[in-house]
N, C-alpha and C. Protein backbone atom coordinates (compact mmCIF):
# COMPACT_ATOMS: atom_id res chain seq x y z
N MET A 1 0.84 -1.18 0.00
CA MET A 1 0.00 0.00 0.00
C MET A 1 0.89 1.24 0.00
N SER A 2 0.55 2.21 -0.82
CA SER A 2 1.31 3.44 -0.93
C SER A 2 0.98 4.39 0.22
N ASN A 3 1.94 5.23 0.58
CA ASN A 3 1.73 6.21 1.65
C ASN A 3 1.34 7.58 1.11
N SER A 4 1.07 7.67 -0.20
CA SER A 4 0.70 8.96 -0.77
C SER A 4 -0.38 8.79 -1.82
N PHE A 5 -1.09 9.88 -2.06
CA PHE A 5 -2.11 9.88 -3.10
C PHE A 5 -1.44 10.03 -4.46
N SER A 6 -1.82 9.19 -5.40
CA SER A 6 -1.18 9.21 -6.72
C SER A 6 -1.58 10.43 -7.55
N HIS A 7 -2.69 11.07 -7.19
CA HIS A 7 -3.19 12.19 -7.99
C HIS A 7 -2.91 13.55 -7.36
N LEU A 8 -1.95 13.59 -6.44
CA LEU A 8 -1.52 14.85 -5.85
C LEU A 8 -0.03 15.01 -6.08
N ASP A 9 0.38 16.23 -6.47
CA ASP A 9 1.81 16.46 -6.67
C ASP A 9 2.49 16.75 -5.33
N LYS A 10 3.79 17.08 -5.36
CA LYS A 10 4.55 17.28 -4.13
C LYS A 10 4.03 18.45 -3.29
N ASN A 11 3.26 19.36 -3.93
CA ASN A 11 2.67 20.49 -3.22
C ASN A 11 1.26 20.21 -2.73
N GLY A 12 0.76 19.01 -3.04
CA GLY A 12 -0.60 18.66 -2.64
C GLY A 12 -1.66 19.11 -3.62
N ASP A 13 -1.25 19.54 -4.80
CA ASP A 13 -2.19 19.99 -5.83
C ASP A 13 -2.61 18.82 -6.72
N PRO A 14 -3.82 18.88 -7.27
CA PRO A 14 -4.26 17.80 -8.17
C PRO A 14 -3.33 17.68 -9.37
N SER A 15 -3.06 16.44 -9.76
CA SER A 15 -2.14 16.19 -10.87
C SER A 15 -2.50 14.87 -11.53
N MET A 16 -2.51 14.86 -12.86
CA MET A 16 -2.75 13.61 -13.58
C MET A 16 -1.48 12.77 -13.50
N VAL A 17 -1.64 11.48 -13.22
CA VAL A 17 -0.51 10.57 -13.12
C VAL A 17 0.17 10.47 -14.48
N ASP A 18 1.50 10.51 -14.47
CA ASP A 18 2.28 10.35 -15.70
C ASP A 18 2.46 8.86 -15.97
N VAL A 19 1.79 8.35 -16.99
CA VAL A 19 1.89 6.93 -17.34
C VAL A 19 2.81 6.72 -18.55
N GLY A 20 3.53 7.77 -18.95
CA GLY A 20 4.35 7.73 -20.15
C GLY A 20 5.39 6.64 -20.18
N THR A 21 5.96 6.28 -19.05
CA THR A 21 7.01 5.26 -19.03
C THR A 21 6.49 3.86 -18.74
N LYS A 22 5.21 3.73 -18.49
CA LYS A 22 4.65 2.41 -18.19
C LYS A 22 4.48 1.59 -19.46
N ALA A 23 4.56 0.29 -19.30
CA ALA A 23 4.38 -0.62 -20.43
C ALA A 23 2.91 -0.80 -20.76
N VAL A 24 2.62 -1.00 -22.02
CA VAL A 24 1.26 -1.33 -22.45
C VAL A 24 1.01 -2.80 -22.12
N THR A 25 -0.06 -3.06 -21.37
CA THR A 25 -0.43 -4.43 -21.04
C THR A 25 -1.94 -4.59 -21.19
N LYS A 26 -2.38 -5.83 -21.24
CA LYS A 26 -3.82 -6.10 -21.24
C LYS A 26 -4.35 -5.79 -19.85
N ARG A 27 -5.42 -5.03 -19.79
CA ARG A 27 -6.02 -4.62 -18.52
C ARG A 27 -7.48 -5.03 -18.52
N GLU A 28 -7.96 -5.47 -17.37
CA GLU A 28 -9.36 -5.83 -17.23
C GLU A 28 -9.81 -5.51 -15.81
N ALA A 29 -11.03 -5.03 -15.68
CA ALA A 29 -11.59 -4.76 -14.36
C ALA A 29 -13.09 -5.07 -14.37
N THR A 30 -13.57 -5.54 -13.24
CA THR A 30 -14.99 -5.82 -13.06
C THR A 30 -15.46 -5.14 -11.78
N ALA A 31 -16.60 -4.46 -11.87
CA ALA A 31 -17.19 -3.79 -10.71
C ALA A 31 -18.66 -4.20 -10.62
N ARG A 32 -19.21 -4.07 -9.41
CA ARG A 32 -20.61 -4.44 -9.22
C ARG A 32 -21.32 -3.38 -8.38
N SER A 33 -22.52 -3.04 -8.82
CA SER A 33 -23.44 -2.22 -8.02
C SER A 33 -24.61 -3.10 -7.64
N ILE A 34 -25.13 -2.88 -6.44
CA ILE A 34 -26.30 -3.63 -5.97
C ILE A 34 -27.44 -2.64 -5.75
N VAL A 35 -28.56 -2.91 -6.40
CA VAL A 35 -29.75 -2.06 -6.28
C VAL A 35 -30.83 -2.90 -5.62
N THR A 36 -31.36 -2.41 -4.50
CA THR A 36 -32.47 -3.11 -3.84
C THR A 36 -33.77 -2.44 -4.24
N LEU A 37 -34.67 -3.25 -4.77
CA LEU A 37 -35.97 -2.76 -5.23
C LEU A 37 -37.06 -3.24 -4.27
N PRO A 38 -38.13 -2.48 -4.14
CA PRO A 38 -39.28 -2.97 -3.37
C PRO A 38 -39.84 -4.23 -4.03
N ALA A 39 -40.42 -5.11 -3.21
CA ALA A 39 -40.94 -6.39 -3.70
C ALA A 39 -41.92 -6.21 -4.86
N GLU A 40 -42.77 -5.17 -4.79
CA GLU A 40 -43.75 -4.99 -5.86
C GLU A 40 -43.10 -4.66 -7.20
N VAL A 41 -41.97 -3.97 -7.17
CA VAL A 41 -41.26 -3.65 -8.42
C VAL A 41 -40.58 -4.91 -8.95
N VAL A 42 -40.00 -5.71 -8.06
CA VAL A 42 -39.39 -6.98 -8.47
C VAL A 42 -40.44 -7.89 -9.09
N ASP A 43 -41.64 -7.93 -8.51
CA ASP A 43 -42.72 -8.75 -9.06
C ASP A 43 -43.04 -8.33 -10.49
N ILE A 44 -43.09 -7.04 -10.74
CA ILE A 44 -43.38 -6.55 -12.09
C ILE A 44 -42.26 -6.95 -13.05
N ILE A 45 -41.01 -6.79 -12.60
CA ILE A 45 -39.86 -7.11 -13.46
C ILE A 45 -39.82 -8.60 -13.78
N THR A 46 -40.05 -9.45 -12.78
CA THR A 46 -39.92 -10.89 -13.01
C THR A 46 -41.05 -11.48 -13.84
N LYS A 47 -42.19 -10.82 -13.87
CA LYS A 47 -43.29 -11.30 -14.73
C LYS A 47 -42.92 -11.10 -16.19
N ASP A 48 -42.41 -9.94 -16.50
CA ASP A 48 -42.00 -9.61 -17.86
C ASP A 48 -41.14 -8.36 -17.73
N GLU A 49 -40.04 -8.32 -18.42
CA GLU A 49 -39.15 -7.15 -18.35
C GLU A 49 -39.99 -5.88 -18.39
N ILE A 50 -39.79 -5.03 -17.39
CA ILE A 50 -40.57 -3.79 -17.31
C ILE A 50 -40.34 -2.94 -18.55
N HIS A 51 -41.41 -2.50 -19.12
CA HIS A 51 -41.34 -1.54 -20.21
C HIS A 51 -42.00 -0.27 -19.69
N THR A 52 -41.20 0.77 -19.55
CA THR A 52 -41.71 2.04 -19.07
C THR A 52 -41.82 2.99 -20.25
N LYS A 53 -42.28 4.20 -19.98
CA LYS A 53 -42.34 5.20 -21.04
C LYS A 53 -40.95 5.49 -21.61
N LYS A 54 -39.91 5.21 -20.80
CA LYS A 54 -38.53 5.43 -21.24
C LYS A 54 -37.94 4.20 -21.93
N GLY A 55 -38.68 3.08 -21.97
CA GLY A 55 -38.19 1.88 -22.63
C GLY A 55 -37.99 0.73 -21.66
N PRO A 56 -37.43 -0.39 -22.15
CA PRO A 56 -37.19 -1.55 -21.30
C PRO A 56 -36.06 -1.26 -20.30
N VAL A 57 -36.30 -1.54 -19.03
CA VAL A 57 -35.39 -1.11 -17.96
C VAL A 57 -34.00 -1.71 -18.08
N PHE A 58 -33.88 -3.02 -18.07
CA PHE A 58 -32.56 -3.61 -18.03
C PHE A 58 -31.76 -3.36 -19.31
N GLN A 59 -32.42 -3.46 -20.46
CA GLN A 59 -31.70 -3.19 -21.72
C GLN A 59 -31.20 -1.75 -21.76
N THR A 60 -32.02 -0.82 -21.30
CA THR A 60 -31.63 0.58 -21.27
C THR A 60 -30.47 0.79 -20.29
N ALA A 61 -30.53 0.13 -19.13
CA ALA A 61 -29.46 0.25 -18.13
C ALA A 61 -28.14 -0.32 -18.67
N ILE A 62 -28.21 -1.40 -19.42
CA ILE A 62 -27.00 -1.97 -20.03
C ILE A 62 -26.36 -0.97 -20.96
N LEU A 63 -27.16 -0.37 -21.84
CA LEU A 63 -26.62 0.64 -22.75
C LEU A 63 -26.06 1.84 -21.99
N ALA A 64 -26.76 2.29 -20.96
CA ALA A 64 -26.30 3.43 -20.17
C ALA A 64 -24.97 3.10 -19.49
N GLY A 65 -24.83 1.89 -18.96
CA GLY A 65 -23.58 1.49 -18.31
C GLY A 65 -22.41 1.50 -19.28
N ILE A 66 -22.63 0.98 -20.47
CA ILE A 66 -21.57 0.98 -21.49
C ILE A 66 -21.22 2.41 -21.87
N MET A 67 -22.22 3.24 -22.08
CA MET A 67 -21.96 4.64 -22.42
C MET A 67 -21.24 5.36 -21.29
N GLY A 68 -21.62 5.07 -20.04
CA GLY A 68 -20.96 5.68 -18.89
C GLY A 68 -19.50 5.29 -18.82
N ALA A 69 -19.20 4.01 -19.02
CA ALA A 69 -17.80 3.55 -18.99
C ALA A 69 -16.98 4.29 -20.04
N LYS A 70 -17.56 4.48 -21.23
CA LYS A 70 -16.85 5.18 -22.31
C LYS A 70 -16.61 6.66 -21.99
N LYS A 71 -17.41 7.25 -21.12
CA LYS A 71 -17.31 8.68 -20.79
C LYS A 71 -16.58 8.94 -19.47
N THR A 72 -15.97 7.92 -18.89
CA THR A 72 -15.37 8.06 -17.56
C THR A 72 -14.41 9.24 -17.47
N SER A 73 -13.53 9.39 -18.43
CA SER A 73 -12.54 10.48 -18.35
C SER A 73 -13.19 11.85 -18.46
N ASP A 74 -14.41 11.93 -18.99
CA ASP A 74 -15.14 13.20 -19.03
C ASP A 74 -15.80 13.51 -17.69
N LEU A 75 -16.03 12.48 -16.88
CA LEU A 75 -16.75 12.63 -15.61
C LEU A 75 -15.82 12.75 -14.41
N ILE A 76 -14.69 12.06 -14.45
CA ILE A 76 -13.75 12.04 -13.33
C ILE A 76 -12.50 12.80 -13.77
N PRO A 77 -12.24 13.95 -13.15
CA PRO A 77 -11.26 14.90 -13.66
C PRO A 77 -9.88 14.37 -14.01
N LEU A 78 -9.29 13.48 -13.25
CA LEU A 78 -7.91 13.09 -13.49
C LEU A 78 -7.75 11.73 -14.15
N CYS A 79 -8.85 11.15 -14.64
CA CYS A 79 -8.79 9.88 -15.36
C CYS A 79 -8.26 10.08 -16.76
N HIS A 80 -7.41 9.16 -17.19
CA HIS A 80 -6.91 9.19 -18.55
C HIS A 80 -8.00 8.69 -19.50
N PRO A 81 -8.15 9.31 -20.66
CA PRO A 81 -9.07 8.75 -21.67
C PRO A 81 -8.44 7.45 -22.21
N LEU A 82 -9.23 6.39 -22.23
CA LEU A 82 -8.71 5.10 -22.65
C LEU A 82 -9.50 4.52 -23.82
N PRO A 83 -8.81 3.86 -24.72
CA PRO A 83 -9.53 3.12 -25.76
C PRO A 83 -10.06 1.82 -25.14
N ILE A 84 -11.35 1.68 -25.11
CA ILE A 84 -11.95 0.48 -24.52
C ILE A 84 -12.12 -0.57 -25.59
N ASN A 85 -11.52 -1.73 -25.36
CA ASN A 85 -11.64 -2.84 -26.31
C ASN A 85 -12.96 -3.57 -26.15
N LYS A 86 -13.44 -3.66 -24.90
CA LYS A 86 -14.68 -4.40 -24.62
C LYS A 86 -15.29 -3.87 -23.35
N CYS A 87 -16.60 -3.72 -23.35
CA CYS A 87 -17.33 -3.35 -22.14
C CYS A 87 -18.63 -4.15 -22.15
N GLY A 88 -18.86 -4.85 -21.07
CA GLY A 88 -20.09 -5.62 -20.95
C GLY A 88 -20.76 -5.34 -19.62
N VAL A 89 -22.07 -5.25 -19.64
CA VAL A 89 -22.85 -5.05 -18.42
C VAL A 89 -23.84 -6.20 -18.33
N ASP A 90 -23.83 -6.86 -17.18
CA ASP A 90 -24.75 -7.98 -16.92
C ASP A 90 -25.65 -7.59 -15.76
N ILE A 91 -26.93 -7.84 -15.89
CA ILE A 91 -27.89 -7.50 -14.84
C ILE A 91 -28.71 -8.73 -14.51
N SER A 92 -28.80 -9.02 -13.21
CA SER A 92 -29.60 -10.16 -12.76
C SER A 92 -30.27 -9.82 -11.43
N ILE A 93 -31.31 -10.55 -11.13
CA ILE A 93 -32.02 -10.36 -9.87
C ILE A 93 -31.66 -11.52 -8.95
N SER A 94 -31.23 -11.19 -7.74
CA SER A 94 -30.91 -12.22 -6.76
C SER A 94 -31.93 -12.18 -5.63
N GLU A 95 -31.64 -12.91 -4.58
CA GLU A 95 -32.54 -12.93 -3.42
C GLU A 95 -32.58 -11.57 -2.75
N ASN A 96 -33.49 -11.38 -1.88
CA ASN A 96 -33.65 -10.12 -1.14
C ASN A 96 -33.99 -8.93 -2.04
N ASN A 97 -34.60 -9.20 -3.19
CA ASN A 97 -35.01 -8.14 -4.12
C ASN A 97 -33.84 -7.29 -4.59
N GLN A 98 -32.68 -7.91 -4.72
CA GLN A 98 -31.50 -7.19 -5.16
C GLN A 98 -31.24 -7.41 -6.64
N VAL A 99 -30.93 -6.32 -7.32
CA VAL A 99 -30.51 -6.37 -8.71
C VAL A 99 -29.00 -6.22 -8.71
N LEU A 100 -28.30 -7.21 -9.27
CA LEU A 100 -26.85 -7.18 -9.35
C LEU A 100 -26.45 -6.66 -10.72
N VAL A 101 -25.74 -5.55 -10.73
CA VAL A 101 -25.27 -4.93 -11.97
C VAL A 101 -23.76 -5.12 -12.01
N THR A 102 -23.29 -5.90 -12.97
CA THR A 102 -21.86 -6.18 -13.08
C THR A 102 -21.34 -5.62 -14.40
N CYS A 103 -20.27 -4.84 -14.30
CA CYS A 103 -19.67 -4.23 -15.49
C CYS A 103 -18.21 -4.68 -15.59
N THR A 104 -17.86 -5.22 -16.76
CA THR A 104 -16.49 -5.64 -17.03
C THR A 104 -15.96 -4.85 -18.22
N VAL A 105 -14.76 -4.29 -18.04
CA VAL A 105 -14.14 -3.46 -19.08
C VAL A 105 -12.75 -4.01 -19.37
N LYS A 106 -12.39 -4.04 -20.66
CA LYS A 106 -11.08 -4.51 -21.10
C LYS A 106 -10.43 -3.46 -22.00
N THR A 107 -9.11 -3.37 -21.89
CA THR A 107 -8.33 -2.50 -22.77
C THR A 107 -6.91 -3.04 -22.86
N GLU A 108 -6.13 -2.46 -23.72
CA GLU A 108 -4.68 -2.64 -23.73
C GLU A 108 -4.13 -1.23 -23.58
N GLY A 109 -3.43 -0.99 -22.47
CA GLY A 109 -2.96 0.36 -22.22
C GLY A 109 -1.95 0.42 -21.11
N LYS A 110 -1.64 1.67 -20.71
CA LYS A 110 -0.63 1.93 -19.69
C LYS A 110 -1.25 2.16 -18.31
N THR A 111 -2.57 2.18 -18.25
CA THR A 111 -3.26 2.35 -16.97
C THR A 111 -4.52 1.51 -16.97
N GLY A 112 -5.00 1.20 -15.79
CA GLY A 112 -6.11 0.27 -15.64
C GLY A 112 -7.48 0.85 -15.95
N VAL A 113 -8.47 -0.02 -15.94
CA VAL A 113 -9.84 0.36 -16.28
C VAL A 113 -10.79 0.19 -15.09
N GLU A 114 -10.25 0.29 -13.86
CA GLU A 114 -11.11 0.17 -12.69
C GLU A 114 -12.17 1.24 -12.66
N MET A 115 -11.78 2.49 -12.94
CA MET A 115 -12.73 3.59 -12.87
C MET A 115 -13.81 3.44 -13.94
N GLU A 116 -13.45 2.91 -15.11
CA GLU A 116 -14.43 2.69 -16.16
C GLU A 116 -15.44 1.64 -15.73
N ALA A 117 -14.97 0.55 -15.11
CA ALA A 117 -15.88 -0.50 -14.64
C ALA A 117 -16.79 0.03 -13.53
N LEU A 118 -16.22 0.79 -12.58
CA LEU A 118 -17.01 1.36 -11.50
C LEU A 118 -18.04 2.36 -12.03
N THR A 119 -17.64 3.17 -13.00
CA THR A 119 -18.56 4.14 -13.59
C THR A 119 -19.67 3.43 -14.35
N GLY A 120 -19.33 2.42 -15.13
CA GLY A 120 -20.33 1.67 -15.88
C GLY A 120 -21.38 1.04 -14.97
N ALA A 121 -20.92 0.40 -13.89
CA ALA A 121 -21.85 -0.22 -12.94
C ALA A 121 -22.72 0.84 -12.27
N SER A 122 -22.11 1.95 -11.90
CA SER A 122 -22.86 3.02 -11.22
C SER A 122 -23.92 3.64 -12.11
N ILE A 123 -23.56 3.94 -13.35
CA ILE A 123 -24.51 4.58 -14.28
C ILE A 123 -25.65 3.62 -14.60
N ALA A 124 -25.35 2.33 -14.76
CA ALA A 124 -26.42 1.35 -14.99
C ALA A 124 -27.37 1.30 -13.79
N ALA A 125 -26.81 1.32 -12.57
CA ALA A 125 -27.65 1.30 -11.36
C ALA A 125 -28.51 2.56 -11.27
N LEU A 126 -27.94 3.70 -11.57
CA LEU A 126 -28.70 4.95 -11.55
C LEU A 126 -29.81 4.93 -12.60
N THR A 127 -29.55 4.30 -13.72
CA THR A 127 -30.57 4.20 -14.78
C THR A 127 -31.73 3.33 -14.32
N ILE A 128 -31.42 2.23 -13.62
CA ILE A 128 -32.50 1.39 -13.07
C ILE A 128 -33.34 2.22 -12.10
N TYR A 129 -32.69 2.98 -11.24
CA TYR A 129 -33.43 3.85 -10.31
C TYR A 129 -34.33 4.81 -11.08
N ASP A 130 -33.75 5.48 -12.06
CA ASP A 130 -34.50 6.48 -12.83
C ASP A 130 -35.72 5.87 -13.51
N MET A 131 -35.55 4.69 -14.07
CA MET A 131 -36.64 4.09 -14.82
C MET A 131 -37.71 3.46 -13.94
N CYS A 132 -37.33 3.08 -12.70
CA CYS A 132 -38.29 2.43 -11.80
C CYS A 132 -38.90 3.38 -10.78
N LYS A 133 -38.45 4.61 -10.72
CA LYS A 133 -38.95 5.54 -9.68
C LYS A 133 -40.43 5.86 -9.85
N ALA A 134 -40.98 5.64 -11.03
CA ALA A 134 -42.41 5.86 -11.22
C ALA A 134 -43.23 4.83 -10.42
N PHE A 135 -42.63 3.66 -10.17
CA PHE A 135 -43.30 2.62 -9.39
C PHE A 135 -43.10 2.82 -7.89
N SER A 136 -41.91 3.33 -7.50
CA SER A 136 -41.59 3.50 -6.08
C SER A 136 -40.31 4.32 -5.94
N HIS A 137 -40.26 5.11 -4.86
CA HIS A 137 -39.02 5.82 -4.52
C HIS A 137 -38.26 5.08 -3.43
N ASP A 138 -38.73 3.90 -3.05
CA ASP A 138 -38.06 3.09 -2.03
C ASP A 138 -37.03 2.17 -2.67
N ILE A 139 -36.24 2.73 -3.57
CA ILE A 139 -35.17 2.02 -4.26
C ILE A 139 -33.86 2.47 -3.61
N ILE A 140 -33.01 1.50 -3.31
CA ILE A 140 -31.74 1.82 -2.66
C ILE A 140 -30.59 1.28 -3.51
N ILE A 141 -29.66 2.16 -3.85
CA ILE A 141 -28.42 1.70 -4.46
C ILE A 141 -27.50 1.39 -3.28
N GLU A 142 -27.36 0.10 -2.99
CA GLU A 142 -26.68 -0.36 -1.78
C GLU A 142 -25.18 -0.10 -1.80
N SER A 143 -24.54 -0.54 -2.88
CA SER A 143 -23.08 -0.44 -2.92
C SER A 143 -22.60 -0.50 -4.35
N THR A 144 -21.42 0.03 -4.54
CA THR A 144 -20.67 -0.13 -5.78
C THR A 144 -19.24 -0.43 -5.36
N GLN A 145 -18.70 -1.53 -5.88
CA GLN A 145 -17.33 -1.88 -5.48
C GLN A 145 -16.61 -2.61 -6.59
N LEU A 146 -15.28 -2.52 -6.54
CA LEU A 146 -14.43 -3.25 -7.46
C LEU A 146 -14.46 -4.72 -7.07
N ILE A 147 -14.67 -5.59 -8.04
CA ILE A 147 -14.69 -7.03 -7.80
C ILE A 147 -13.33 -7.64 -8.15
N SER A 148 -12.75 -7.19 -9.28
CA SER A 148 -11.45 -7.71 -9.68
C SER A 148 -10.78 -6.75 -10.66
N LYS A 149 -9.47 -6.86 -10.73
CA LYS A 149 -8.70 -6.14 -11.75
C LYS A 149 -7.45 -6.94 -12.04
N SER A 150 -6.99 -6.83 -13.27
CA SER A 150 -5.76 -7.51 -13.65
C SER A 150 -5.02 -6.68 -14.70
N GLY A 151 -3.71 -6.91 -14.77
CA GLY A 151 -2.91 -6.32 -15.82
C GLY A 151 -2.03 -5.16 -15.42
N GLY A 152 -2.08 -4.72 -14.19
CA GLY A 152 -1.24 -3.61 -13.76
C GLY A 152 -0.14 -4.09 -12.82
N LYS A 153 0.27 -3.21 -11.91
CA LYS A 153 1.31 -3.57 -10.93
C LYS A 153 0.88 -4.76 -10.09
N ARG A 154 -0.38 -4.75 -9.70
CA ARG A 154 -0.88 -5.84 -8.85
C ARG A 154 -2.32 -6.18 -9.25
N ASP A 155 -2.58 -7.46 -9.28
CA ASP A 155 -3.93 -7.93 -9.55
C ASP A 155 -4.74 -7.88 -8.25
N PHE A 156 -6.05 -7.86 -8.40
CA PHE A 156 -6.93 -7.81 -7.24
C PHE A 156 -8.13 -8.70 -7.51
N GLN A 157 -8.54 -9.47 -6.52
CA GLN A 157 -9.74 -10.31 -6.62
C GLN A 157 -10.44 -10.27 -5.27
N ARG A 158 -11.67 -9.75 -5.25
CA ARG A 158 -12.43 -9.73 -4.01
C ARG A 158 -12.92 -11.14 -3.72
N SER A 159 -12.81 -11.55 -2.47
CA SER A 159 -13.24 -12.92 -2.12
C SER A 159 -14.73 -12.97 -1.88
C-alpha cells in the first residue's frame, strides 16, 4: 500500500498521473453495483421485463452502463481517456429483491480500467433507479465496489 495519493503532486495539488514510461499491457476490471428494489417492483420485473415510457429497464441500463464507462474520463477529472476494447454489463435479480449490476471493461494500455468498470456499474444502477422511480421511490443503491482487476502492478480479486 502506498503512503501517498497518486493524484496529488509534491505540493498537494491535483495532478494527472504520468503513465508515459509504463508498459502497455492487457487490462481488465470488473465492478458491481447492488440495487435493492421494493418487492412490488421486483414482481413486475420478473413477470415480464418492465417496459416504461422510457423503454425496457434492463436493456436501457445496459446501454447506459456501457456509455458511462466510455465517458469516464469526461466525468472524473484526473482519469486518462482510454480506448476500450470491450465493455459488458450484466444485470440479474438475486434474493432479497437485489438487482446485481456487473460491469467488465477490457483494454490494452498503460493504466487500468477500474474507474471505467465502477462508472459503468454506477450509471447502470442509476438508470435502473431512474426508470423504476415511477413505481416507487423506495429504491436503494446499496453499494458499488471493485470485484477484480488484472494487468497492472498488482492484480486484485475480491473474495
